Protein backbone atom coordinates (compact mmCIF):
# COMPACT_ATOMS: atom_id res chain seq x y z
CA MET A 1 0.00 0.00 0.00
CA GLY A 2 1.10 3.54 -0.67
CA ASN A 3 -0.17 6.98 -1.69
CA GLU A 4 -0.65 6.17 -5.39
CA VAL A 5 -1.37 3.24 -7.70
CA GLY A 6 1.62 2.11 -9.72
CA GLU A 7 5.04 0.78 -8.89
CA ALA A 8 7.56 1.72 -6.23
CA VAL A 9 11.10 0.76 -5.32
CA PHE A 10 11.30 -1.51 -2.29
CA TYR A 11 14.69 -1.62 -0.55
CA GLU A 12 15.68 -4.94 1.01
CA ALA A 13 17.89 -4.56 4.06
CA SER A 14 17.71 -7.94 5.76
CA ARG A 15 20.97 -7.50 7.70
CA THR A 16 19.65 -4.45 9.52
CA ALA A 17 15.90 -5.31 9.40
CA ASP A 18 15.27 -1.95 7.70
CA SER A 19 13.55 -3.18 4.52
CA SER A 20 11.14 -0.49 3.33
CA PHE A 21 9.95 1.78 0.56
CA ILE A 22 11.96 4.47 2.38
CA LYS A 23 15.59 4.15 1.31
CA PRO A 24 17.69 3.03 4.30
CA ASP A 25 21.34 3.93 4.73
CA LEU A 26 22.37 0.33 3.94
CA PHE A 27 20.52 -2.16 1.77
CA GLU A 28 21.34 -5.31 -0.19
CA SER A 29 18.98 -4.95 -3.13
CA LYS A 30 16.06 -3.01 -4.50
CA ASN A 31 13.03 -4.21 -6.44
CA LEU A 32 10.28 -2.48 -8.35
CA ILE A 33 6.97 -3.83 -7.05
CA PRO A 34 3.29 -3.03 -7.66
CA VAL A 35 1.68 -0.66 -5.16
CA THR A 36 -1.95 0.29 -4.70
CA THR A 37 -3.79 2.63 -2.38
CA LEU A 38 -6.02 1.70 0.51
CA GLN A 39 -8.84 3.66 -1.11
CA HIS A 40 -8.46 1.74 -4.39
CA LYS A 41 -8.41 -1.64 -2.58
CA ILE A 42 -11.47 -0.75 -0.47
CA GLU A 43 -13.38 0.29 -3.61
CA GLN A 44 -12.19 -2.82 -5.48
CA LEU A 45 -13.39 -5.12 -2.68
CA GLY A 46 -16.63 -3.21 -2.08
CA VAL A 47 -15.91 -2.69 1.62
CA ARG A 48 -18.57 -0.50 3.25
CA ASN A 49 -17.03 0.03 6.70
CA VAL A 50 -14.14 -1.20 8.79
CA ASP A 51 -14.22 -1.68 12.56
CA PHE A 52 -10.46 -1.69 13.11
CA LEU A 53 -7.28 -1.07 11.11
CA LYS A 54 -3.81 -1.97 12.40
CA LEU A 55 -1.24 -0.14 10.32
CA GLU A 56 2.37 -1.33 10.44
CA ALA A 57 4.08 -0.39 7.18
CA GLU A 58 7.78 -0.25 8.07
CA GLU A 59 8.20 3.53 7.83
CA PHE A 60 5.56 4.02 5.12
CA GLU A 61 2.56 4.67 7.40
CA PRO A 62 2.00 8.31 6.30
CA GLU A 63 1.95 7.30 2.63
CA VAL A 64 -0.56 4.50 3.31
CA LEU A 65 -2.82 6.94 5.15
CA GLU A 66 -2.48 9.49 2.33
CA GLY A 67 -3.54 6.76 -0.10
CA ALA A 68 -6.62 6.04 2.02
CA GLY A 69 -8.16 9.34 0.93
CA ASP A 70 -11.83 9.73 1.81
CA SER A 71 -12.09 6.03 2.64
CA LEU A 72 -10.68 6.82 6.10
CA ARG A 73 -14.16 8.03 6.98
CA GLN A 74 -15.33 4.41 6.60
CA PHE A 75 -13.13 3.39 9.54
CA LYS A 76 -15.86 3.90 12.11
CA LYS A 77 -14.06 2.78 15.21
CA LYS A 78 -10.31 2.65 15.56
CA ILE A 79 -7.00 2.80 13.75
CA ALA A 80 -3.77 1.76 15.45
CA VAL A 81 -0.60 3.04 13.79
CA ASP A 82 3.00 2.19 14.64
CA VAL A 83 4.95 5.45 14.60
CA SER A 84 8.19 4.25 16.12
CA PRO A 85 11.36 6.03 14.95
CA GLU A 86 12.07 3.71 12.01
CA ARG A 87 12.03 6.36 9.28
CA ASN A 88 15.77 6.86 9.05
CA GLY A 89 15.82 7.28 12.83
CA LYS A 90 12.80 9.59 12.98
CA SER A 91 9.17 8.99 13.85
CA PRO A 92 6.38 9.89 11.38
CA ARG A 93 4.16 10.63 14.38
CA ASP A 94 3.43 14.30 13.61
CA ARG A 95 2.49 13.55 9.99
CA VAL A 96 0.32 10.57 10.98
CA ASP A 97 -1.32 12.63 13.73
CA SER A 98 -2.15 15.40 11.24
CA LEU A 99 -3.54 13.00 8.62
CA LEU A 100 -5.80 11.31 11.16
CA ARG A 101 -7.02 14.55 12.76
CA ASP A 102 -7.74 16.00 9.30
CA SER A 103 -9.95 12.94 8.68
CA GLY A 104 -11.95 13.55 11.85
CA PHE A 105 -10.25 11.12 14.24
CA ASN A 106 -9.43 11.80 17.87
CA VAL A 107 -5.80 10.84 18.39
CA TRP A 108 -4.31 9.22 21.48
CA VAL A 109 -0.60 8.55 21.83
CA VAL A 110 0.40 5.41 23.70
CA GLY A 111 4.02 4.72 24.56
CA ALA A 112 5.32 8.25 24.01
CA ALA A 113 7.77 7.83 26.90
CA LEU A 114 9.30 4.89 25.06
CA LEU A 115 9.76 7.03 21.94
CA LYS A 116 11.47 9.74 23.97
CA LYS A 117 13.93 7.24 25.43
CA GLN A 118 14.92 6.02 21.95
CA LYS A 119 15.81 9.46 20.56
């Protein structure tokens, strides 16, 4: 999943466990793979509403949420997003927070003390 339908470069970094669409400092290989948006997949499957979404996208959480578009309004109950500092050592928390609030969600941060310790 991403913020547009098409193809994207996926960086494989198995030695450091940093494989992602976000280019890590060190990687072994890169592959062009098909990517779709959450909105496109929801429309394709005919999903009317979703009770819960757990989003763990190895640094690509903001892009997945951007690709959800108006379909985020179908997520009636809860969305859990991992915003640990995996994005080249930084957390996408502020961007994720903004995307969710702009879509009408109340946002609660759990584990913020843990994030502070890792900085």
